[in-house]
Amino acid sequence: MRKTMMAMMVGAALASGVANAQQGKLSDDTLKIGVLSDMSGVYADFGGPGAVLAARMAVEDFGGKMFGKAIEIVSADHQNKADVAKNITQQWFDRDKVDATFENLNSAVALAVTALGAEKNRITVVTGAASSRLTNEDCKPATGIHWVYDTISLANVVGKAVVKAGGDSWFFLTADYAFGHSLEKDTGDVVKANGGKVLGALRHPLATTDYSSFLLQAQSSKAKVVGLANAGGDTVNSIKAAAEFGITKNQNLAALLMLVTDVHALGLNTAQGLYLSEAWYWDLNDENRAFAKKFEARNNGKKPNMNQVGVYSAVAHYLKAVQAAGTDDTAAVRKKMGDMPINDVFAKNGKLREDGRMVHDMHLFLVKKPSESKGPWDYYHHKGTLKGDEAFQSLAASRCPQFKKG
């Protein structure tokens, strides 16, 4: 009897050890995720509270716990200021033990945060920012990840389509910071590579209130296309101003980064006829429609945009990687994130590359006329899909110095 009891105790101990190994362990007994976005400014509809909601939904769908411990989410407003973003993130990493940050909207913010993430050895996932510098000159491939889109993919989808449709002369209206500069350059390169020409560009401050002088100069350029290398409220307001000035009667606008929430803010009367690129649209398939229904029920009736669904996808993939790694150790989790394919509501057969770029399909859309829309949020004609390897810069063309050294 005594031998039997001993055998049972040993067996129980071994079983407990196996269970604990399968369960995994967190470095400081908690898994904490930070969502850093513009909560009240020009990009609030772009990411903002909707991005935080998306992260919470990803945690809830995962089960809310990691290795038996509750997963925590913290969020903050970076006010579109890189120094504010850096200070918040430093406090998160040093004091609050945040394991990874997501969203990091605004390219100046994203560049500052990814640099700090590399210094602190913490994963930083960028969804809302677009500058291609994040996986090129300023890449941090061991910790920095770029998830939803970048200026190269936007240029490849929209720029190429507009030139092929006859828009072979361009003038750019550009947001004067890292994102706008990258988008202007990358789109200009695509325009010229496809036989078009760039006649000029003007740069405006973030959250400009008066676009009149910029648009009058764009109009006088006689370019067939005015390329809007801006985003969020800046894109919405510049399109409104262009309509008021009558620019759209003789020139076409190309919205290089525009989301369904921007179209909703503009209304179809003003937005109709615009070509744009998105990685995700709520009405593409049943899975997307089901997700959008759940999201809008908790988001004051607003559908999610591609950036917000990208946050959901990135957080969900991170959680799966921590679980698979059995630890929140940065190197182990980053490796798992690269090893595992991304198959979720945002992307099918997505792949996180060695340079930090998540590669997935991108779509070209044409904004409907009011008479073509069947109801609220029915805004797009789907005009085509560009496979990820065609939409994004190839790994061979990467200018990431750390990756090239590897």
Protein backbone atom coordinates (compact mmCIF):
# COMPACT_ATOMS: atom_id res chain seq x y z
CA MET A 1 0.00 0.00 0.00
CA ARG A 2 2.83 2.34 0.90
CA LYS A 3 4.56 1.66 -2.43
CA THR A 4 1.30 2.30 -4.24
CA MET A 5 0.86 5.66 -2.46
CA MET A 6 4.43 6.67 -3.28
CA ALA A 7 3.91 5.75 -6.93
CA MET A 8 0.73 7.80 -7.02
CA MET A 9 2.48 10.82 -5.49
CA VAL A 10 5.38 10.58 -7.96
CA GLY A 11 2.91 10.24 -10.82
CA ALA A 12 0.97 13.26 -9.65
CA ALA A 13 4.16 15.29 -9.35
CA LEU A 14 5.25 14.31 -12.84
CA ALA A 15 1.82 15.13 -14.25
CA SER A 16 1.91 18.49 -12.51
CA GLY A 17 5.34 19.19 -13.99
CA VAL A 18 4.13 18.36 -17.50
CA ALA A 19 1.05 20.56 -17.02
CA ASN A 20 3.20 23.45 -15.82
CA ALA A 21 5.53 23.05 -18.78
CA GLN A 22 2.59 23.11 -21.16
CA GLN A 23 1.15 26.06 -19.30
CA GLY A 24 4.28 28.17 -19.60
CA LYS A 25 5.53 31.00 -17.43
CA LEU A 26 5.46 34.79 -17.54
CA SER A 27 8.58 36.73 -16.55
CA ASP A 28 6.88 39.00 -14.02
CA ASP A 29 3.75 36.92 -13.50
CA THR A 30 1.64 39.07 -15.81
CA LEU A 31 1.17 39.79 -19.52
CA LYS A 32 0.53 43.45 -20.18
CA ILE A 33 -0.24 45.03 -23.57
CA GLY A 34 -0.10 48.75 -24.38
CA VAL A 35 -2.20 50.44 -27.07
CA LEU A 36 -0.78 53.84 -28.02
CA SER A 37 -2.87 55.98 -30.37
CA ASP A 38 -4.36 59.37 -31.15
CA MET A 39 -7.44 59.36 -28.94
CA SER A 40 -8.84 62.82 -29.67
CA GLY A 41 -7.01 64.44 -32.58
CA VAL A 42 -6.86 64.27 -36.36
CA TYR A 43 -6.40 60.46 -36.36
CA ALA A 44 -8.89 59.55 -33.62
CA ASP A 45 -11.29 57.87 -36.06
CA PHE A 46 -8.34 56.21 -37.78
CA GLY A 47 -7.32 54.37 -34.62
CA GLY A 48 -8.21 55.92 -31.29
CA PRO A 49 -10.74 54.27 -28.98
CA GLY A 50 -11.65 51.87 -31.80
CA ALA A 51 -8.10 50.51 -31.76
CA VAL A 52 -8.31 49.93 -28.00
CA LEU A 53 -11.63 48.14 -28.46
CA ALA A 54 -10.09 45.93 -31.15
CA ALA A 55 -7.25 44.96 -28.79
CA ARG A 56 -9.75 44.15 -26.04
CA MET A 57 -11.78 41.99 -28.42
CA ALA A 58 -8.63 40.06 -29.36
CA VAL A 59 -7.86 39.41 -25.69
CA GLU A 60 -11.47 38.37 -25.00
CA ASP A 61 -11.54 36.00 -27.99
CA PHE A 62 -8.28 34.46 -26.75
CA GLY A 63 -9.90 33.75 -23.41
CA GLY A 64 -8.64 36.69 -21.35
CA LYS A 65 -5.84 34.77 -19.65
CA MET A 66 -2.30 33.61 -20.39
CA PHE A 67 -0.98 30.66 -18.37
CA GLY A 68 -3.75 31.22 -15.85
CA LYS A 69 -3.01 34.93 -15.37
CA ALA A 70 -5.30 37.76 -16.56
CA ILE A 71 -4.04 39.62 -19.64
CA GLU A 72 -3.99 43.37 -18.98
CA ILE A 73 -4.44 46.21 -21.48
CA VAL A 74 -3.34 49.79 -20.91
CA SER A 75 -3.87 52.64 -23.37
CA ALA A 76 -2.80 56.24 -23.82
CA ASP A 77 -3.12 59.27 -26.11
CA HIS A 78 0.19 60.29 -27.69
CA GLN A 79 -1.32 63.56 -29.05
CA ASN A 80 0.59 62.99 -32.30
CA LYS A 81 3.80 64.05 -30.56
CA ALA A 82 6.84 61.79 -30.76
CA ASP A 83 8.28 63.04 -27.45
CA VAL A 84 4.99 62.40 -25.63
CA ALA A 85 4.81 58.93 -27.18
CA LYS A 86 8.36 58.12 -26.14
CA ASN A 87 7.79 59.26 -22.56
CA ILE A 88 4.61 57.20 -22.23
CA THR A 89 6.25 54.12 -23.70
CA GLN A 90 9.33 54.47 -21.51
CA GLN A 91 7.10 54.61 -18.44
CA TRP A 92 5.17 51.58 -19.68
CA PHE A 93 8.36 49.55 -20.16
CA ASP A 94 10.26 50.70 -17.06
CA ARG A 95 7.56 51.13 -14.43
CA ASP A 96 4.42 49.37 -15.62
CA LYS A 97 6.11 46.24 -17.04
CA VAL A 98 4.30 46.42 -20.39
CA ASP A 99 5.47 43.52 -22.54
CA ALA A 100 4.50 44.83 -26.00
CA THR A 101 2.91 47.92 -27.56
CA PHE A 102 0.48 48.05 -30.47
CA GLU A 103 -1.01 50.61 -32.87
CA ASN A 104 1.64 53.37 -32.47
CA LEU A 105 -0.20 55.47 -35.05
CA ASN A 106 1.63 58.41 -36.72
CA SER A 107 4.98 57.67 -38.37
CA ALA A 108 7.00 60.07 -36.22
CA VAL A 109 5.54 58.37 -33.16
CA ALA A 110 6.15 54.90 -34.60
CA LEU A 111 9.80 55.64 -35.39
CA ALA A 112 10.42 56.89 -31.85
CA VAL A 113 8.60 54.00 -30.19
CA THR A 114 10.23 51.26 -32.28
CA ALA A 115 13.66 52.70 -31.52
CA LEU A 116 12.86 52.64 -27.80
CA GLY A 117 11.49 49.10 -28.11
CA ALA A 118 14.78 47.94 -29.58
CA GLU A 119 16.68 49.64 -26.75
CA LYS A 120 14.46 48.06 -24.08
CA ASN A 121 14.10 44.71 -25.88
CA ARG A 122 10.31 44.92 -26.08
CA ILE A 123 8.11 44.13 -29.05
CA THR A 124 6.50 47.13 -30.75
CA VAL A 125 3.85 46.49 -33.40
CA VAL A 126 2.93 49.34 -35.74
CA THR A 127 -0.47 49.25 -37.42
CA GLY A 128 -1.62 52.82 -38.08
CA ALA A 129 1.66 54.39 -39.20
CA ALA A 130 2.72 53.94 -42.83
CA SER A 131 6.30 55.11 -43.42
CA SER A 132 8.33 52.47 -45.25
CA ARG A 133 11.34 53.60 -43.21
CA LEU A 134 10.04 51.31 -40.45
CA THR A 135 11.27 48.25 -42.34
CA ASN A 136 14.04 49.98 -44.28
CA GLU A 137 16.45 52.62 -42.98
CA ASP A 138 14.99 52.69 -39.46
CA CYS A 139 14.13 49.01 -39.10
CA LYS A 140 14.43 47.18 -35.79
CA PRO A 141 13.74 43.62 -36.98
CA ALA A 142 14.36 41.85 -33.65
CA THR A 143 11.57 43.80 -31.95
CA GLY A 144 9.89 46.17 -34.44
CA ILE A 145 6.96 44.88 -36.52
CA HIS A 146 4.96 46.66 -39.26
CA TRP A 147 1.55 45.03 -39.67
CA VAL A 148 -1.19 46.62 -41.81
CA TYR A 149 0.21 48.62 -44.75
CA ASP A 150 3.06 50.92 -45.68
CA THR A 151 3.72 53.68 -48.17
CA ILE A 152 5.16 51.22 -50.69
CA SER A 153 2.07 49.00 -50.75
CA LEU A 154 -0.26 52.02 -50.96
CA ALA A 155 1.76 53.39 -53.86
CA ASN A 156 1.83 50.05 -55.64
CA VAL A 157 -1.94 49.60 -55.45
CA VAL A 158 -3.35 53.11 -55.95
CA GLY A 159 -0.52 54.82 -57.83
CA LYS A 160 -0.18 52.09 -60.43
CA ALA A 161 -3.95 51.83 -60.96
CA VAL A 162 -4.42 55.57 -61.46
CA VAL A 163 -1.54 55.85 -63.94
CA LYS A 164 -2.89 52.90 -65.93
CA ALA A 165 -6.29 54.62 -66.00
CA GLY A 166 -4.71 57.65 -67.70
CA GLY A 167 -3.57 59.75 -64.73
CA ASP A 168 0.01 60.12 -65.90
CA SER A 169 0.89 63.56 -64.49
CA TRP A 170 0.85 64.14 -60.72
CA PHE A 171 1.11 66.94 -58.17
CA PHE A 172 1.36 65.98 -54.47
CA LEU A 173 -0.25 67.56 -51.44
CA THR A 174 1.82 66.10 -48.63
CA ALA A 175 1.65 65.97 -44.85
CA ASP A 176 4.95 67.45 -43.67
CA TYR A 177 6.36 64.64 -41.55
CA ALA A 178 7.89 61.18 -42.03
CA PHE A 179 4.72 59.48 -43.27
CA GLY A 180 3.88 62.09 -45.90
CA HIS A 181 7.45 62.30 -47.16
CA SER A 182 7.63 58.51 -47.56
CA LEU A 183 4.25 58.30 -49.28
CA GLU A 184 5.11 61.10 -51.71
CA LYS A 185 8.46 59.52 -52.59
CA ASP A 186 7.19 55.95 -52.92
CA THR A 187 4.17 56.94 -55.00
CA GLY A 188 6.28 59.24 -57.17
CA ASP A 189 8.64 56.35 -57.86
CA VAL A 190 5.71 54.14 -58.92
CA VAL A 191 4.23 56.88 -61.13
CA LYS A 192 7.56 57.37 -62.94
CA ALA A 193 8.22 53.63 -63.22
CA ASN A 194 4.87 53.27 -65.00
CA GLY A 195 5.52 56.06 -67.52
CA GLY A 196 4.06 59.01 -65.64
CA LYS A 197 5.66 62.21 -64.38
CA VAL A 198 5.61 64.24 -61.17
CA LEU A 199 5.10 67.98 -61.72
CA GLY A 200 5.63 69.11 -58.15
CA ALA A 201 4.61 68.90 -54.49
CA LEU A 202 3.61 71.06 -51.56
CA ARG A 203 3.87 70.11 -47.90
CA HIS A 204 1.38 71.13 -45.23
CA PRO A 205 1.57 70.88 -41.42
CA LEU A 206 -0.33 68.15 -39.60
CA ALA A 207 -3.96 69.11 -38.88
CA THR A 208 -4.00 72.03 -41.30
CA THR A 209 -7.21 74.08 -41.19
CA ASP A 210 -6.82 76.07 -44.43
CA TYR A 211 -5.90 74.24 -47.63
CA SER A 212 -6.75 77.08 -50.05
CA SER A 213 -3.22 78.19 -50.96
CA PHE A 214 -2.00 74.60 -51.36
CA LEU A 215 -4.91 73.60 -53.56
CA LEU A 216 -4.68 76.70 -55.76
CA GLN A 217 -1.05 75.86 -56.53
CA ALA A 218 -2.00 72.23 -57.22
CA GLN A 219 -4.71 73.50 -59.57
CA SER A 220 -2.30 75.78 -61.42
CA SER A 221 0.11 72.89 -62.00
CA LYS A 222 -2.37 71.45 -64.56
CA ALA A 223 -1.50 67.95 -63.33
CA LYS A 224 -4.13 65.36 -64.17
CA VAL A 225 -3.92 63.94 -60.65
CA VAL A 226 -3.56 65.61 -57.26
CA GLY A 227 -2.09 62.93 -55.02
CA LEU A 228 -3.05 63.31 -51.37
CA ALA A 229 -0.06 62.09 -49.37
CA ASN A 230 -1.84 62.65 -46.07
CA ALA A 231 -4.33 60.77 -43.91
CA GLY A 232 -7.21 60.93 -41.46
CA GLY A 233 -8.73 64.35 -40.86
CA ASP A 234 -6.18 65.95 -43.20
CA THR A 235 -7.38 63.81 -46.11
CA VAL A 236 -11.04 64.42 -45.29
CA ASN A 237 -10.56 68.19 -45.04
CA SER A 238 -8.39 68.49 -48.15
CA ILE A 239 -10.96 66.57 -50.22
CA LYS A 240 -13.75 68.80 -48.91
CA ALA A 241 -11.73 71.89 -49.78
CA ALA A 242 -10.89 70.55 -53.26
CA ALA A 243 -14.61 70.05 -53.94
CA GLU A 244 -15.39 73.58 -52.78
CA PHE A 245 -12.70 75.02 -55.07
CA GLY A 246 -14.03 73.04 -58.01
CA ILE A 247 -10.71 71.27 -58.51
CA THR A 248 -12.38 67.91 -59.06
CA LYS A 249 -14.08 69.24 -62.21
CA ASN A 250 -10.78 69.29 -64.10
CA GLN A 251 -8.38 67.22 -62.01
CA ASN A 252 -8.65 63.84 -60.31
CA LEU A 253 -7.85 63.26 -56.66
CA ALA A 254 -5.94 60.16 -55.59
CA ALA A 255 -6.48 59.38 -51.91
CA LEU A 256 -3.30 57.43 -51.19
CA LEU A 257 -4.25 56.55 -47.61
CA MET A 258 -7.96 56.68 -46.95
CA LEU A 259 -10.10 54.37 -44.83
CA VAL A 260 -13.79 53.55 -44.79
CA THR A 261 -14.20 55.76 -41.72
CA ASP A 262 -12.85 58.70 -43.74
CA VAL A 263 -15.34 57.99 -46.54
CA HIS A 264 -18.09 57.87 -43.91
CA ALA A 265 -17.01 61.27 -42.58
CA LEU A 266 -16.96 62.76 -46.08
CA GLY A 267 -20.16 61.24 -47.41
CA LEU A 268 -20.53 59.66 -50.84
CA ASN A 269 -21.50 62.93 -52.53
CA THR A 270 -17.96 64.20 -51.94
CA ALA A 271 -15.98 60.94 -51.92
CA GLN A 272 -17.54 59.23 -54.96
CA GLY A 273 -15.16 58.20 -57.71
CA LEU A 274 -12.04 58.08 -55.54
CA TYR A 275 -9.67 55.13 -55.93
CA LEU A 276 -8.14 53.90 -52.69
CA SER A 277 -6.42 50.88 -51.22
CA GLU A 278 -7.36 48.95 -48.09
CA ALA A 279 -6.14 45.70 -46.61
CA TRP A 280 -9.59 44.94 -45.20
CA TYR A 281 -13.21 45.94 -45.87
CA TRP A 282 -16.20 44.89 -43.82
CA ASP A 283 -18.37 43.79 -46.77
CA LEU A 284 -15.88 41.57 -48.63
CA ASN A 285 -17.12 38.29 -47.15
CA ASP A 286 -19.27 36.72 -44.44
CA GLU A 287 -16.42 36.49 -41.92
CA ASN A 288 -15.71 40.22 -42.23
CA ARG A 289 -19.41 41.08 -41.96
CA ALA A 290 -19.77 39.03 -38.78
CA PHE A 291 -16.74 40.70 -37.18
CA ALA A 292 -17.96 44.16 -38.19
CA LYS A 293 -21.36 43.48 -36.64
CA LYS A 294 -19.77 42.56 -33.30
CA PHE A 295 -17.44 45.55 -33.43
CA GLU A 296 -19.99 48.22 -34.32
CA ALA A 297 -22.33 47.01 -31.56
CA ARG A 298 -19.63 48.17 -29.12
CA ASN A 299 -18.39 51.18 -31.11
CA ASN A 300 -21.40 53.49 -31.28
CA GLY A 301 -22.59 51.99 -34.55
CA LYS A 302 -19.33 52.63 -36.42
CA LYS A 303 -17.85 49.91 -38.61
CA PRO A 304 -14.18 49.00 -38.06
CA ASN A 305 -11.56 50.17 -40.53
CA MET A 306 -8.53 48.21 -41.70
CA ASN A 307 -6.26 49.74 -39.07
CA GLN A 308 -8.53 48.76 -36.19
CA VAL A 309 -8.95 45.21 -37.51
CA GLY A 310 -5.18 45.14 -37.97
CA VAL A 311 -4.80 45.86 -34.24
CA TYR A 312 -7.12 42.93 -33.50
CA SER A 313 -5.05 40.67 -35.77
CA ALA A 314 -1.67 41.77 -34.40
CA VAL A 315 -2.70 41.37 -30.75
CA ALA A 316 -4.28 37.97 -31.46
CA HIS A 317 -1.14 36.75 -33.24
CA TYR A 318 1.10 38.01 -30.42
CA LEU A 319 -0.99 36.13 -27.85
CA LYS A 320 -0.84 32.92 -29.88
CA ALA A 321 2.95 33.32 -30.14
CA VAL A 322 3.36 33.80 -26.37
CA GLN A 323 1.26 30.71 -25.79
CA ALA A 324 3.25 28.68 -28.33
CA ALA A 325 6.57 29.88 -26.92
CA GLY A 326 5.52 29.12 -23.34
CA THR A 327 7.04 32.42 -22.28
CA ASP A 328 6.81 36.18 -22.83
CA ASP A 329 10.55 36.37 -23.55
CA THR A 330 10.91 38.81 -26.44
CA ALA A 331 13.25 36.76 -28.63
CA ALA A 332 11.23 33.56 -28.22
CA VAL A 333 7.93 35.32 -28.94
CA ARG A 334 9.31 37.21 -31.96
CA LYS A 335 10.57 33.93 -33.42
CA LYS A 336 7.18 32.27 -32.98
CA MET A 337 5.44 35.26 -34.55
CA GLY A 338 7.61 34.77 -37.63
CA ASP A 339 7.24 31.00 -37.70
CA MET A 340 3.45 30.95 -37.46
CA PRO A 341 1.27 31.91 -40.46
CA ILE A 342 -1.36 34.61 -39.91
CA ASN A 343 -4.85 33.29 -40.61
CA ASP A 344 -7.60 35.38 -39.09
CA VAL A 345 -10.32 37.85 -40.01
CA PHE A 346 -7.72 40.35 -41.23
CA ALA A 347 -5.39 38.20 -43.34
CA LYS A 348 -5.17 34.76 -44.89
CA ASN A 349 -1.76 33.12 -45.16
CA GLY A 350 -0.06 36.28 -43.94
CA LYS A 351 3.64 36.04 -43.12
CA LEU A 352 5.80 38.07 -40.75
CA ARG A 353 9.19 38.37 -42.45
CA GLU A 354 12.66 38.69 -40.99
CA ASP A 355 12.71 42.44 -41.67
CA GLY A 356 9.58 43.00 -39.54
CA ARG A 357 7.17 43.42 -42.47
CA MET A 358 3.89 41.47 -42.27
CA VAL A 359 3.03 40.53 -45.85
CA HIS A 360 -0.60 40.04 -46.91
CA ASP A 361 -2.96 40.88 -49.77
CA MET A 362 -4.05 44.46 -50.49
CA HIS A 363 -7.23 45.51 -52.30
CA LEU A 364 -8.10 48.30 -54.74
CA PHE A 365 -11.51 49.95 -54.27
CA LEU A 366 -13.53 52.59 -56.07
CA VAL A 367 -15.87 54.70 -53.93
CA LYS A 368 -19.48 54.27 -55.04
CA LYS A 369 -21.85 56.96 -56.24
CA PRO A 370 -24.69 57.68 -53.78
CA SER A 371 -27.13 56.01 -56.16
CA GLU A 372 -25.09 52.78 -56.07
CA SER A 373 -25.00 52.43 -52.29
CA LYS A 374 -27.51 50.02 -50.75
CA GLY A 375 -27.30 51.54 -47.29
CA PRO A 376 -25.04 52.90 -44.52
CA TRP A 377 -21.37 51.91 -44.87
CA ASP A 378 -21.94 50.32 -48.33
CA TYR A 379 -19.28 52.47 -49.94
CA TYR A 380 -16.92 50.45 -52.15
CA HIS A 381 -16.71 48.68 -55.46
CA HIS A 382 -13.99 46.04 -55.20
CA LYS A 383 -11.77 46.53 -58.26
CA GLY A 384 -9.05 43.99 -57.62
CA THR A 385 -6.60 42.33 -55.25
CA LEU A 386 -2.82 42.58 -55.27
CA LYS A 387 -1.06 39.62 -53.67
CA GLY A 388 1.19 40.44 -50.77
CA ASP A 389 4.42 39.66 -52.60
CA GLU A 390 3.42 42.14 -55.32
CA ALA A 391 2.03 44.82 -53.02
CA PHE A 392 4.93 45.05 -50.58
CA GLN A 393 8.62 45.62 -51.15
CA SER A 394 10.51 42.38 -51.67
CA LEU A 395 12.87 41.13 -49.00
CA ALA A 396 15.69 41.29 -51.54
CA ALA A 397 15.09 45.03 -51.95
CA SER A 398 15.14 45.71 -48.20
CA ARG A 399 17.33 48.57 -47.04
CA CYS A 400 17.23 47.35 -43.44
CA PRO A 401 20.88 47.44 -42.28
CA GLN A 402 20.39 45.06 -39.33
CA PHE A 403 18.65 42.51 -41.50
CA LYS A 404 21.31 42.73 -44.23
CA LYS A 405 24.00 42.13 -41.63
CA GLY A 406 22.19 38.96 -40.65
